[in-house]
């Protein structure tokens, strides 16, 4: 190593005008609304999805993909930020979003129905700097594309189905290959949390290796910082709901973090996704948190009973009903300590 009184970084700055870029340390998260999921995503019950990154939420039908994204959008709004929703499936119902906590006030909510993949990504990238300049550097911006599988390439939009060729079938994969790097750049430059909802499809006849796939080719998987994959089993449920009524059915959803660049990957969380009589769905946060606190020993189990903070023993259904009817949710959530 040559003995030089001028440091290498100083030398590069003098001769090339370049300096070391500031290091990146992940410190900001947006809660998913479900502490056990926050924990497997970030290592913290008060964490969640990483801000300023690309995130994938993929799963089968009615696994709560859009509901989970809506929880995250609502959290961005609560922090003084803006939520953007690109509805390619033409199915988002703001009434259900409001029940989760989403606001449709024009200052914090942008809703669009783009026609093609290109229309959607181009419009979003143009909106990011305008919104960021308007709200300042700190408040979060969340954009949700629902879903990648339904983002039709412009070339394919104007082609008759009978005229489809192999090139048309691969059009979405080619688009993601060409555009996801630039999308990631726009997201990072404008401090935007970008969520792509996607479908988790079963590979027919596969015996070995991954038995599911997601539309859009391989490129998105390399670009996402966190990939949240949901699987479900339909069950008949009973018990208290968030509106103090008993939901008529639901699913047990198992979530696996198949990629995570901000915490340990391959961790899992589980919850009940319930449906009300009007068809709206919600994650039963309190039900899942009770299970988590029993598993971690925060709440003591006494045979078939759970010991609540008042020292009394309750069956789980009775305890859940007590928490809903007496408004003890915040006390329950406060027991989730990092």
C-alpha atoms as a PDB file:
ATOM      1  CA  UNK A   1       0.000   0.000   0.000  1.00  0.00           C
ATOM      2  CA  UNK A   2       1.643   3.245  -1.055  1.00  0.00           C
ATOM      3  CA  UNK A   3       2.293   5.760   1.698  1.00  0.00           C
ATOM      4  CA  UNK A   4       0.194   8.714   0.690  1.00  0.00           C
ATOM      5  CA  UNK A   5      -0.961  11.446   3.039  1.00  0.00           C
ATOM      6  CA  UNK A   6      -4.051  12.051   0.877  1.00  0.00           C
ATOM      7  CA  UNK A   7      -6.837   9.575   1.627  1.00  0.00           C
ATOM      8  CA  UNK A   8      -8.222   7.495  -1.206  1.00  0.00           C
ATOM      9  CA  UNK A   9     -11.700   8.984  -0.856  1.00  0.00           C
ATOM     10  CA  UNK A  10     -10.227  12.512  -0.921  1.00  0.00           C
ATOM     11  CA  UNK A  11      -8.169  11.664  -3.990  1.00  0.00           C
ATOM     12  CA  UNK A  12     -11.219  10.345  -5.849  1.00  0.00           C
ATOM     13  CA  UNK A  13     -13.161  13.426  -4.871  1.00  0.00           C
ATOM     14  CA  UNK A  14     -10.418  15.768  -6.123  1.00  0.00           C
ATOM     15  CA  UNK A  15      -9.775  14.024  -9.422  1.00  0.00           C
ATOM     16  CA  UNK A  16     -13.169  12.563 -10.339  1.00  0.00           C
ATOM     17  CA  UNK A  17     -15.560  14.637  -8.264  1.00  0.00           C
ATOM     18  CA  UNK A  18     -17.090  11.556  -6.649  1.00  0.00           C
ATOM     19  CA  UNK A  19     -17.666  10.775  -3.002  1.00  0.00           C
ATOM     20  CA  UNK A  20     -18.797   7.632  -1.236  1.00  0.00           C
ATOM     21  CA  UNK A  21     -22.546   7.301  -1.312  1.00  0.00           C
ATOM     22  CA  UNK A  22     -24.158   7.369   2.100  1.00  0.00           C
ATOM     23  CA  UNK A  23     -24.764   3.888   3.479  1.00  0.00           C
ATOM     24  CA  UNK A  24     -28.286   2.491   3.628  1.00  0.00           C
ATOM     25  CA  UNK A  25     -29.605   1.219   6.916  1.00  0.00           C
ATOM     26  CA  UNK A  26     -33.182  -0.064   7.133  1.00  0.00           C
ATOM     27  CA  UNK A  27     -34.860   1.786   9.959  1.00  0.00           C
ATOM     28  CA  UNK A  28     -38.400   2.549   8.795  1.00  0.00           C
ATOM     29  CA  UNK A  29     -41.289   0.124   8.502  1.00  0.00           C
ATOM     30  CA  UNK A  30     -45.027   0.290   7.894  1.00  0.00           C
ATOM     31  CA  UNK A  31     -47.113  -1.978  10.065  1.00  0.00           C
ATOM     32  CA  UNK A  32     -49.284  -4.608   8.418  1.00  0.00           C
ATOM     33  CA  UNK A  33     -51.754  -4.262  11.289  1.00  0.00           C
ATOM     34  CA  UNK A  34     -50.889  -7.763  12.523  1.00  0.00           C
ATOM     35  CA  UNK A  35     -48.001  -7.932  15.040  1.00  0.00           C
ATOM     36  CA  UNK A  36     -46.992 -11.592  14.388  1.00  0.00           C
ATOM     37  CA  UNK A  37     -46.615 -10.793  10.667  1.00  0.00           C
ATOM     38  CA  UNK A  38     -44.652  -7.644  11.492  1.00  0.00           C
ATOM     39  CA  UNK A  39     -42.334  -9.832  13.563  1.00  0.00           C
ATOM     40  CA  UNK A  40     -41.484 -12.276  10.769  1.00  0.00           C
ATOM     41  CA  UNK A  41     -41.036  -9.415   8.296  1.00  0.00           C
ATOM     42  CA  UNK A  42     -38.817  -7.149  10.384  1.00  0.00           C
ATOM     43  CA  UNK A  43     -37.938  -8.853  13.661  1.00  0.00           C
ATOM     44  CA  UNK A  44     -40.197  -6.426  15.535  1.00  0.00           C
ATOM     45  CA  UNK A  45     -43.840  -6.574  16.565  1.00  0.00           C
ATOM     46  CA  UNK A  46     -43.938  -2.832  15.838  1.00  0.00           C
ATOM     47  CA  UNK A  47     -42.210  -3.239  12.460  1.00  0.00           C
ATOM     48  CA  UNK A  48     -43.726  -4.471   9.211  1.00  0.00           C
ATOM     49  CA  UNK A  49     -42.947  -4.016   5.514  1.00  0.00           C
ATOM     50  CA  UNK A  50     -39.859  -2.024   4.654  1.00  0.00           C
ATOM     51  CA  UNK A  51     -40.372   1.501   3.383  1.00  0.00           C
ATOM     52  CA  UNK A  52     -38.826   2.609   0.069  1.00  0.00           C
ATOM     53  CA  UNK A  53     -38.755  -0.940  -1.281  1.00  0.00           C
ATOM     54  CA  UNK A  54     -40.609  -3.164  -3.731  1.00  0.00           C
ATOM     55  CA  UNK A  55     -42.856  -5.691  -1.986  1.00  0.00           C
ATOM     56  CA  UNK A  56     -44.806  -8.657  -3.342  1.00  0.00           C
ATOM     57  CA  UNK A  57     -48.008  -9.992  -1.783  1.00  0.00           C
ATOM     58  CA  UNK A  58     -49.020 -13.161  -3.632  1.00  0.00           C
ATOM     59  CA  UNK A  59     -51.583 -15.831  -2.895  1.00  0.00           C
ATOM     60  CA  UNK A  60     -54.585 -17.772  -4.089  1.00  0.00           C
ATOM     61  CA  UNK A  61     -58.134 -16.432  -4.439  1.00  0.00           C
ATOM     62  CA  UNK A  62     -59.701 -14.824  -1.350  1.00  0.00           C
ATOM     63  CA  UNK A  63     -56.603 -15.129   0.833  1.00  0.00           C
ATOM     64  CA  UNK A  64     -56.777 -11.466   1.854  1.00  0.00           C
ATOM     65  CA  UNK A  65     -54.054 -10.092  -0.422  1.00  0.00           C
ATOM     66  CA  UNK A  66     -55.836  -6.792  -1.113  1.00  0.00           C
ATOM     67  CA  UNK A  67     -56.991  -6.521   2.502  1.00  0.00           C
ATOM     68  CA  UNK A  68     -53.390  -6.829   3.707  1.00  0.00           C
ATOM     69  CA  UNK A  69     -52.254  -4.164   1.233  1.00  0.00           C
ATOM     70  CA  UNK A  70     -55.126  -1.951   2.420  1.00  0.00           C
ATOM     71  CA  UNK A  71     -53.960  -2.200   6.045  1.00  0.00           C
ATOM     72  CA  UNK A  72     -50.557  -0.955   4.894  1.00  0.00           C
ATOM     73  CA  UNK A  73     -52.064   1.896   2.860  1.00  0.00           C
ATOM     74  CA  UNK A  74     -54.156   2.952   5.851  1.00  0.00           C
ATOM     75  CA  UNK A  75     -51.033   3.009   8.025  1.00  0.00           C
ATOM     76  CA  UNK A  76     -49.290   5.294   5.517  1.00  0.00           C
ATOM     77  CA  UNK A  77     -52.230   7.682   5.718  1.00  0.00           C
ATOM     78  CA  UNK A  78     -52.206   7.612   9.532  1.00  0.00           C
ATOM     79  CA  UNK A  79     -48.566   8.697   9.389  1.00  0.00           C
ATOM     80  CA  UNK A  80     -49.475  11.718   7.284  1.00  0.00           C
ATOM     81  CA  UNK A  81     -48.720  10.106   3.939  1.00  0.00           C
ATOM     82  CA  UNK A  82     -50.544   9.187   0.744  1.00  0.00           C
ATOM     83  CA  UNK A  83     -51.925   5.906  -0.610  1.00  0.00           C
ATOM     84  CA  UNK A  84     -52.131   5.204  -4.358  1.00  0.00           C
ATOM     85  CA  UNK A  85     -54.137   2.289  -5.735  1.00  0.00           C
ATOM     86  CA  UNK A  86     -53.819   1.089  -9.342  1.00  0.00           C
ATOM     87  CA  UNK A  87     -56.881  -1.096  -9.853  1.00  0.00           C
ATOM     88  CA  UNK A  88     -56.154  -3.374 -12.811  1.00  0.00           C
ATOM     89  CA  UNK A  89     -58.624  -5.998 -11.602  1.00  0.00           C
ATOM     90  CA  UNK A  90     -61.434  -3.414 -11.487  1.00  0.00           C
ATOM     91  CA  UNK A  91     -62.641  -4.881  -8.200  1.00  0.00           C
ATOM     92  CA  UNK A  92     -61.577  -2.572  -5.349  1.00  0.00           C
ATOM     93  CA  UNK A  93     -64.486  -1.481  -3.121  1.00  0.00           C
ATOM     94  CA  UNK A  94     -63.703   1.612  -1.060  1.00  0.00           C
ATOM     95  CA  UNK A  95     -66.484   0.701   1.397  1.00  0.00           C
ATOM     96  CA  UNK A  96     -64.483  -2.326   2.515  1.00  0.00           C
ATOM     97  CA  UNK A  97     -61.315  -0.247   2.578  1.00  0.00           C
ATOM     98  CA  UNK A  98     -62.932   2.218   4.962  1.00  0.00           C
ATOM     99  CA  UNK A  99     -63.840  -0.606   7.355  1.00  0.00           C
ATOM    100  CA  UNK A 100     -60.128  -1.420   7.550  1.00  0.00           C
ATOM    101  CA  UNK A 101     -59.258   2.220   8.219  1.00  0.00           C
ATOM    102  CA  UNK A 102     -58.513   3.576   4.745  1.00  0.00           C
ATOM    103  CA  UNK A 103     -59.516   7.160   3.975  1.00  0.00           C
ATOM    104  CA  UNK A 104     -60.770   8.260   0.555  1.00  0.00           C
ATOM    105  CA  UNK A 105     -60.130  11.946   1.215  1.00  0.00           C
ATOM    106  CA  UNK A 106     -58.564  13.479  -1.893  1.00  0.00           C
ATOM    107  CA  UNK A 107     -55.520  14.785   0.000  1.00  0.00           C
ATOM    108  CA  UNK A 108     -54.396  11.288   1.015  1.00  0.00           C
ATOM    109  CA  UNK A 109     -55.946   8.928  -1.556  1.00  0.00           C
ATOM    110  CA  UNK A 110     -55.284   8.448  -5.275  1.00  0.00           C
ATOM    111  CA  UNK A 111     -57.341   5.850  -7.135  1.00  0.00           C
ATOM    112  CA  UNK A 112     -56.753   4.992 -10.799  1.00  0.00           C
ATOM    113  CA  UNK A 113     -57.878   2.343 -13.272  1.00  0.00           C
ATOM    114  CA  UNK A 114     -55.045   2.270 -15.833  1.00  0.00           C
ATOM    115  CA  UNK A 115     -55.665   0.431 -19.081  1.00  0.00           C
ATOM    116  CA  UNK A 116     -52.244  -1.180 -19.596  1.00  0.00           C
ATOM    117  CA  UNK A 117     -49.033  -2.059 -17.774  1.00  0.00           C
ATOM    118  CA  UNK A 118     -47.243   0.831 -19.451  1.00  0.00           C
ATOM    119  CA  UNK A 119     -49.996   3.341 -18.608  1.00  0.00           C
ATOM    120  CA  UNK A 120     -49.885   2.287 -14.971  1.00  0.00           C
ATOM    121  CA  UNK A 121     -46.144   2.332 -14.336  1.00  0.00           C
ATOM    122  CA  UNK A 122     -45.578   5.522 -16.348  1.00  0.00           C
ATOM    123  CA  UNK A 123     -48.360   7.364 -14.520  1.00  0.00           C
ATOM    124  CA  UNK A 124     -47.136   6.186 -11.113  1.00  0.00           C
ATOM    125  CA  UNK A 125     -43.543   7.232 -11.777  1.00  0.00           C
ATOM    126  CA  UNK A 126     -44.744  10.711 -12.795  1.00  0.00           C
ATOM    127  CA  UNK A 127     -46.911  11.045  -9.684  1.00  0.00           C
ATOM    128  CA  UNK A 128     -44.169  10.098  -7.186  1.00  0.00           C
ATOM    129  CA  UNK A 129     -42.068  13.313  -7.362  1.00  0.00           C
ATOM    130  CA  UNK A 130     -45.173  15.538  -7.464  1.00  0.00           C
ATOM    131  CA  UNK A 131     -46.637  13.936  -4.331  1.00  0.00           C
ATOM    132  CA  UNK A 132     -43.275  13.866  -2.555  1.00  0.00           C
ATOM    133  CA  UNK A 133     -42.709  17.558  -3.198  1.00  0.00           C
ATOM    134  CA  UNK A 134     -46.207  18.318  -1.910  1.00  0.00           C
ATOM    135  CA  UNK A 135     -46.088  16.339   1.356  1.00  0.00           C
ATOM    136  CA  UNK A 136     -42.390  16.631   2.233  1.00  0.00           C
ATOM    137  CA  UNK A 137     -39.620  14.090   2.673  1.00  0.00           C
ATOM    138  CA  UNK A 138     -40.795  12.124   5.716  1.00  0.00           C
ATOM    139  CA  UNK A 139     -44.467  11.067   5.279  1.00  0.00           C
ATOM    140  CA  UNK A 140     -44.758   7.667   3.596  1.00  0.00           C
ATOM    141  CA  UNK A 141     -46.105   7.091   0.104  1.00  0.00           C
ATOM    142  CA  UNK A 142     -47.531   3.641  -0.676  1.00  0.00           C
ATOM    143  CA  UNK A 143     -48.527   2.555  -4.169  1.00  0.00           C
ATOM    144  CA  UNK A 144     -50.368  -0.742  -4.733  1.00  0.00           C
ATOM    145  CA  UNK A 145     -50.679  -2.417  -8.135  1.00  0.00           C
ATOM    146  CA  UNK A 146     -53.571  -4.909  -8.069  1.00  0.00           C
ATOM    147  CA  UNK A 147     -52.509  -7.131  -9.643  1.00  0.00           C
ATOM    148  CA  UNK A 148     -49.378  -7.799 -11.692  1.00  0.00           C
ATOM    149  CA  UNK A 149     -51.134 -10.731 -13.368  1.00  0.00           C
ATOM    150  CA  UNK A 150     -53.855  -8.329 -14.577  1.00  0.00           C
ATOM    151  CA  UNK A 151     -51.501  -5.619 -15.875  1.00  0.00           C
ATOM    152  CA  UNK A 152     -52.022  -6.110 -19.612  1.00  0.00           C
ATOM    153  CA  UNK A 153     -49.157  -5.110 -21.949  1.00  0.00           C
ATOM    154  CA  UNK A 154     -50.221  -2.509 -24.514  1.00  0.00           C
ATOM    155  CA  UNK A 155     -49.204  -4.806 -27.363  1.00  0.00           C
ATOM    156  CA  UNK A 156     -51.477  -7.556 -26.077  1.00  0.00           C
ATOM    157  CA  UNK A 157     -54.406  -5.224 -25.334  1.00  0.00           C
ATOM    158  CA  UNK A 158     -55.031  -4.506 -29.010  1.00  0.00           C
ATOM    159  CA  UNK A 159     -54.489  -8.049 -30.265  1.00  0.00           C
ATOM    160  CA  UNK A 160     -57.404 -10.344 -30.976  1.00  0.00           C
ATOM    161  CA  UNK A 161     -57.385 -13.490 -28.845  1.00  0.00           C
ATOM    162  CA  UNK A 162     -57.371 -15.663 -31.964  1.00  0.00           C
ATOM    163  CA  UNK A 163     -54.180 -13.938 -33.131  1.00  0.00           C
ATOM    164  CA  UNK A 164     -52.141 -14.493 -29.952  1.00  0.00           C
ATOM    165  CA  UNK A 165     -48.689 -15.916 -30.538  1.00  0.00           C
ATOM    166  CA  UNK A 166     -45.982 -17.114 -28.168  1.00  0.00           C
ATOM    167  CA  UNK A 167     -44.583 -13.569 -28.158  1.00  0.00           C
ATOM    168  CA  UNK A 168     -47.912 -12.281 -26.853  1.00  0.00           C
ATOM    169  CA  UNK A 169     -47.948 -14.915 -24.105  1.00  0.00           C
ATOM    170  CA  UNK A 170     -44.486 -13.775 -22.986  1.00  0.00           C
ATOM    171  CA  UNK A 171     -45.227 -10.050 -23.316  1.00  0.00           C
ATOM    172  CA  UNK A 172     -45.716  -9.450 -19.570  1.00  0.00           C
ATOM    173  CA  UNK A 173     -42.467 -11.224 -18.692  1.00  0.00           C
ATOM    174  CA  UNK A 174     -40.590  -9.148 -21.252  1.00  0.00           C
ATOM    175  CA  UNK A 175     -42.084  -5.952 -19.867  1.00  0.00           C
ATOM    176  CA  UNK A 176     -41.126  -6.738 -16.284  1.00  0.00           C
ATOM    177  CA  UNK A 177     -37.625  -7.683 -17.436  1.00  0.00           C
ATOM    178  CA  UNK A 178     -37.225  -4.313 -19.136  1.00  0.00           C
ATOM    179  CA  UNK A 179     -39.000  -2.093 -16.617  1.00  0.00           C
ATOM    180  CA  UNK A 180     -38.590  -3.384 -13.059  1.00  0.00           C
ATOM    181  CA  UNK A 181     -35.088  -1.961 -12.639  1.00  0.00           C
ATOM    182  CA  UNK A 182     -36.333   1.523 -13.534  1.00  0.00           C
ATOM    183  CA  UNK A 183     -39.396   1.106 -11.294  1.00  0.00           C
ATOM    184  CA  UNK A 184     -37.064   0.258  -8.392  1.00  0.00           C
ATOM    185  CA  UNK A 185     -35.031   3.382  -9.167  1.00  0.00           C
ATOM    186  CA  UNK A 186     -38.103   5.652  -9.118  1.00  0.00           C
ATOM    187  CA  UNK A 187     -39.238   4.032  -5.862  1.00  0.00           C
ATOM    188  CA  UNK A 188     -35.860   4.601  -4.173  1.00  0.00           C
ATOM    189  CA  UNK A 189     -35.433   8.171  -5.422  1.00  0.00           C
ATOM    190  CA  UNK A 190     -38.848   9.245  -4.155  1.00  0.00           C
ATOM    191  CA  UNK A 191     -38.984   7.166  -0.950  1.00  0.00           C
ATOM    192  CA  UNK A 192     -42.024   5.158  -2.060  1.00  0.00           C
ATOM    193  CA  UNK A 193     -43.177   1.769  -0.783  1.00  0.00           C
ATOM    194  CA  UNK A 194     -44.336  -0.125  -3.853  1.00  0.00           C
ATOM    195  CA  UNK A 195     -46.555  -3.203  -3.444  1.00  0.00           C
ATOM    196  CA  UNK A 196     -47.356  -5.558  -6.296  1.00  0.00           C
ATOM    197  CA  UNK A 197     -50.218  -7.935  -5.562  1.00  0.00           C
ATOM    198  CA  UNK A 198     -49.892 -11.148  -7.545  1.00  0.00           C
ATOM    199  CA  UNK A 199     -51.468 -14.551  -8.018  1.00  0.00           C
ATOM    200  CA  UNK A 200     -49.885 -17.709  -6.649  1.00  0.00           C
ATOM    201  CA  UNK A 201     -50.545 -20.430  -9.218  1.00  0.00           C
ATOM    202  CA  UNK A 202     -50.135 -24.182  -8.864  1.00  0.00           C
ATOM    203  CA  UNK A 203     -47.780 -25.911 -11.306  1.00  0.00           C
ATOM    204  CA  UNK A 204     -49.613 -28.885 -12.731  1.00  0.00           C
ATOM    205  CA  UNK A 205     -47.758 -32.203 -12.630  1.00  0.00           C
ATOM    206  CA  UNK A 206     -44.669 -30.910 -10.799  1.00  0.00           C
ATOM    207  CA  UNK A 207     -43.317 -33.493  -8.365  1.00  0.00           C
ATOM    208  CA  UNK A 208     -39.994 -31.930  -7.346  1.00  0.00           C
ATOM    209  CA  UNK A 209     -38.920 -28.357  -6.704  1.00  0.00           C
ATOM    210  CA  UNK A 210     -41.239 -25.358  -6.343  1.00  0.00           C
ATOM    211  CA  UNK A 211     -44.838 -26.324  -7.006  1.00  0.00           C
ATOM    212  CA  UNK A 212     -46.165 -22.776  -7.406  1.00  0.00           C
ATOM    213  CA  UNK A 213     -45.330 -19.824  -9.624  1.00  0.00           C
ATOM    214  CA  UNK A 214     -46.294 -16.164 -10.003  1.00  0.00           C
ATOM    215  CA  UNK A 215     -47.115 -14.444 -13.333  1.00  0.00           C
ATOM    216  CA  UNK A 216     -44.700 -11.870 -14.682  1.00  0.00           C
ATOM    217  CA  UNK A 217     -41.537 -13.891 -15.190  1.00  0.00           C
ATOM    218  CA  UNK A 218     -38.443 -14.166 -13.034  1.00  0.00           C
ATOM    219  CA  UNK A 219     -37.273 -10.553 -12.941  1.00  0.00           C
ATOM    220  CA  UNK A 220     -39.720  -9.266 -10.280  1.00  0.00           C
ATOM    221  CA  UNK A 221     -38.569 -11.965  -7.854  1.00  0.00           C
ATOM    222  CA  UNK A 222     -35.015 -10.629  -8.044  1.00  0.00           C
ATOM    223  CA  UNK A 223     -36.156  -7.016  -7.615  1.00  0.00           C
ATOM    224  CA  UNK A 224     -38.515  -7.395  -4.638  1.00  0.00           C
ATOM    225  CA  UNK A 225     -37.034  -6.786  -1.198  1.00  0.00           C
ATOM    226  CA  UNK A 226     -39.787  -8.769   0.527  1.00  0.00           C
ATOM    227  CA  UNK A 227     -42.025 -11.493  -0.923  1.00  0.00           C
ATOM    228  CA  UNK A 228     -45.098 -12.442   1.114  1.00  0.00           C
ATOM    229  CA  UNK A 229     -46.806 -15.625  -0.068  1.00  0.00           C
ATOM    230  CA  UNK A 230     -50.219 -16.592   1.298  1.00  0.00           C
ATOM    231  CA  UNK A 231     -51.899 -19.994   1.363  1.00  0.00           C
ATOM    232  CA  UNK A 232     -55.274 -20.728   2.873  1.00  0.00           C
ATOM    233  CA  UNK A 233     -57.624 -23.435   4.072  1.00  0.00           C
ATOM    234  CA  UNK A 234     -61.345 -22.685   4.209  1.00  0.00           C
ATOM    235  CA  UNK A 235     -63.050 -23.399   7.521  1.00  0.00           C
ATOM    236  CA  UNK A 236     -66.303 -22.642   9.323  1.00  0.00           C
ATOM    237  CA  UNK A 237     -65.722 -20.081  12.041  1.00  0.00           C
ATOM    238  CA  UNK A 238     -67.628 -18.725  14.976  1.00  0.00           C
ATOM    239  CA  UNK A 239     -66.856 -16.084  17.557  1.00  0.00           C
ATOM    240  CA  UNK A 240     -66.686 -12.333  17.898  1.00  0.00           C
ATOM    241  CA  UNK A 241     -65.962 -10.145  14.912  1.00  0.00           C
ATOM    242  CA  UNK A 242     -64.646  -6.610  14.742  1.00  0.00           C
ATOM    243  CA  UNK A 243     -68.181  -5.322  14.329  1.00  0.00           C
ATOM    244  CA  UNK A 244     -69.400  -7.392  17.334  1.00  0.00           C
ATOM    245  CA  UNK A 245     -71.164  -9.864  15.034  1.00  0.00           C
ATOM    246  CA  UNK A 246     -70.220 -13.465  14.349  1.00  0.00           C
ATOM    247  CA  UNK A 247     -68.716 -13.980  10.872  1.00  0.00           C
ATOM    248  CA  UNK A 248     -70.210 -16.893   8.970  1.00  0.00           C
ATOM    249  CA  UNK A 249     -66.998 -18.293   7.569  1.00  0.00           C
ATOM    250  CA  UNK A 250     -63.385 -17.683   6.760  1.00  0.00           C
ATOM    251  CA  UNK A 251     -59.983 -19.139   6.131  1.00  0.00           C
ATOM    252  CA  UNK A 252     -56.861 -20.001   8.044  1.00  0.00           C
ATOM    253  CA  UNK A 253     -54.117 -18.184   6.149  1.00  0.00           C
ATOM    254  CA  UNK A 254     -50.513 -19.302   6.380  1.00  0.00           C
ATOM    255  CA  UNK A 255     -47.981 -16.706   5.300  1.00  0.00           C
ATOM    256  CA  UNK A 256     -44.404 -17.526   4.311  1.00  0.00           C
ATOM    257  CA  UNK A 257     -41.794 -14.829   3.707  1.00  0.00           C
ATOM    258  CA  UNK A 258     -40.029 -16.435   0.741  1.00  0.00           C
ATOM    259  CA  UNK A 259     -37.608 -13.513   0.333  1.00  0.00           C
ATOM    260  CA  UNK A 260     -36.527 -10.864   2.812  1.00  0.00           C
ATOM    261  CA  UNK A 261     -33.626  -8.437   2.432  1.00  0.00           C
ATOM    262  CA  UNK A 262     -34.341  -6.642   5.713  1.00  0.00           C
ATOM    263  CA  UNK A 263     -34.677  -9.610   8.116  1.00  0.00           C
ATOM    264  CA  UNK A 264     -34.456 -13.400   8.155  1.00  0.00           C
ATOM    265  CA  UNK A 265     -36.258 -15.040   5.219  1.00  0.00           C
ATOM    266  CA  UNK A 266     -38.471 -18.157   5.202  1.00  0.00           C
ATOM    267  CA  UNK A 267     -40.256 -17.363   8.480  1.00  0.00           C
ATOM    268  CA  UNK A 268     -44.001 -18.002   8.750  1.00  0.00           C
ATOM    269  CA  UNK A 269     -47.031 -16.446  10.407  1.00  0.00           C
ATOM    270  CA  UNK A 270     -50.646 -17.566  10.564  1.00  0.00           C
ATOM    271  CA  UNK A 271     -53.994 -15.872  11.072  1.00  0.00           C
ATOM    272  CA  UNK A 272     -57.725 -16.264  10.543  1.00  0.00           C
ATOM    273  CA  UNK A 273     -59.160 -14.251   7.664  1.00  0.00           C
ATOM    274  CA  UNK A 274     -62.873 -13.910   8.353  1.00  0.00           C
ATOM    275  CA  UNK A 275     -65.825 -12.798   6.243  1.00  0.00           C
ATOM    276  CA  UNK A 276     -68.816 -10.817   7.424  1.00  0.00           C
ATOM    277  CA  UNK A 277     -72.350 -11.236   6.119  1.00  0.00           C
ATOM    278  CA  UNK A 278     -71.856  -8.376   3.652  1.00  0.00           C
ATOM    279  CA  UNK A 279     -68.876 -10.173   2.090  1.00  0.00           C
ATOM    280  CA  UNK A 280     -66.152  -7.920   3.492  1.00  0.00           C
ATOM    281  CA  UNK A 281     -63.119  -9.674   4.893  1.00  0.00           C
ATOM    282  CA  UNK A 282     -60.755  -8.849   7.732  1.00  0.00           C
ATOM    283  CA  UNK A 283     -57.800 -10.334   9.576  1.00  0.00           C
ATOM    284  CA  UNK A 284     -58.888 -11.266  13.093  1.00  0.00           C
ATOM    285  CA  UNK A 285     -55.898  -9.585  14.700  1.00  0.00           C
ATOM    286  CA  UNK A 286     -56.938 -10.233  18.291  1.00  0.00           C
ATOM    287  CA  UNK A 287     -57.464 -13.954  17.696  1.00  0.00           C
ATOM    288  CA  UNK A 288     -53.986 -14.337  16.229  1.00  0.00           C
ATOM    289  CA  UNK A 289     -52.314 -12.163  18.854  1.00  0.00           C
ATOM    290  CA  UNK A 290     -53.796 -14.302  21.649  1.00  0.00           C
ATOM    291  CA  UNK A 291     -52.231 -17.386  20.013  1.00  0.00           C
ATOM    292  CA  UNK A 292     -48.905 -15.570  19.661  1.00  0.00           C
ATOM    293  CA  UNK A 293     -48.855 -14.458  23.305  1.00  0.00           C
ATOM    294  CA  UNK A 294     -49.698 -17.963  24.515  1.00  0.00           C
ATOM    295  CA  UNK A 295     -46.968 -19.463  22.315  1.00  0.00           C
ATOM    296  CA  UNK A 296     -44.352 -17.005  23.582  1.00  0.00           C
ATOM    297  CA  UNK A 297     -45.444 -17.447  27.209  1.00  0.00           C
ATOM    298  CA  UNK A 298     -46.655 -13.881  27.736  1.00  0.00           C
ATOM    299  CA  UNK A 299     -50.125 -15.228  28.484  1.00  0.00           C
ATOM    300  CA  UNK A 300     -50.210 -18.344  30.641  1.00  0.00           C
ATOM    301  CA  UNK A 301     -52.146 -21.393  29.549  1.00  0.00           C
ATOM    302  CA  UNK A 302     -53.851 -23.385  32.301  1.00  0.00           C
ATOM    303  CA  UNK A 303     -55.115 -26.570  30.687  1.00  0.00           C
ATOM    304  CA  UNK A 304     -57.882 -25.576  28.282  1.00  0.00           C
ATOM    305  CA  UNK A 305     -57.928 -22.048  29.688  1.00  0.00           C
ATOM    306  CA  UNK A 306     -55.923 -18.863  29.144  1.00  0.00           C
ATOM    307  CA  UNK A 307     -55.074 -16.607  32.079  1.00  0.00           C
ATOM    308  CA  UNK A 308     -55.875 -12.982  31.220  1.00  0.00           C
ATOM    309  CA  UNK A 309     -54.267  -9.935  32.832  1.00  0.00           C
ATOM    310  CA  UNK A 310     -57.045  -9.769  35.429  1.00  0.00           C
ATOM    311  CA  UNK A 311     -55.868 -13.147  36.760  1.00  0.00           C
ATOM    312  CA  UNK A 312     -59.036 -14.937  35.643  1.00  0.00           C
ATOM    313  CA  UNK A 313     -59.137 -17.984  33.362  1.00  0.00           C
ATOM    314  CA  UNK A 314     -61.027 -17.972  30.080  1.00  0.00           C
ATOM    315  CA  UNK A 315     -61.603 -20.304  27.189  1.00  0.00           C
ATOM    316  CA  UNK A 316     -60.139 -18.689  24.086  1.00  0.00           C
ATOM    317  CA  UNK A 317     -63.526 -17.913  22.504  1.00  0.00           C
ATOM    318  CA  UNK A 318     -64.735 -16.346  25.760  1.00  0.00           C
ATOM    319  CA  UNK A 319     -61.565 -14.291  26.069  1.00  0.00           C
ATOM    320  CA  UNK A 320     -61.830 -13.128  22.469  1.00  0.00           C
ATOM    321  CA  UNK A 321     -65.448 -12.088  23.013  1.00  0.00           C
ATOM    322  CA  UNK A 322     -64.448 -10.207  26.177  1.00  0.00           C
ATOM    323  CA  UNK A 323     -61.716  -8.325  24.326  1.00  0.00           C
ATOM    324  CA  UNK A 324     -64.062  -7.269  21.520  1.00  0.00           C
ATOM    325  CA  UNK A 325     -67.074  -6.359  23.656  1.00  0.00           C
ATOM    326  CA  UNK A 326     -65.130  -4.558  26.383  1.00  0.00           C
ATOM    327  CA  UNK A 327     -62.776  -2.728  24.038  1.00  0.00           C
ATOM    328  CA  UNK A 328     -59.614  -4.354  25.395  1.00  0.00           C
ATOM    329  CA  UNK A 329     -57.849  -4.566  22.040  1.00  0.00           C
ATOM    330  CA  UNK A 330     -55.201  -1.947  22.799  1.00  0.00           C
ATOM    331  CA  UNK A 331     -54.387  -3.657  26.112  1.00  0.00           C
ATOM    332  CA  UNK A 332     -53.945  -6.956  24.249  1.00  0.00           C
ATOM    333  CA  UNK A 333     -51.717  -5.436  21.570  1.00  0.00           C
ATOM    334  CA  UNK A 334     -49.617  -3.667  24.207  1.00  0.00           C
ATOM    335  CA  UNK A 335     -48.505  -7.090  25.435  1.00  0.00           C
ATOM    336  CA  UNK A 336     -46.608  -7.596  22.139  1.00  0.00           C
ATOM    337  CA  UNK A 337     -43.270  -6.211  23.232  1.00  0.00           C
ATOM    338  CA  UNK A 338     -40.035  -6.422  21.235  1.00  0.00           C
END
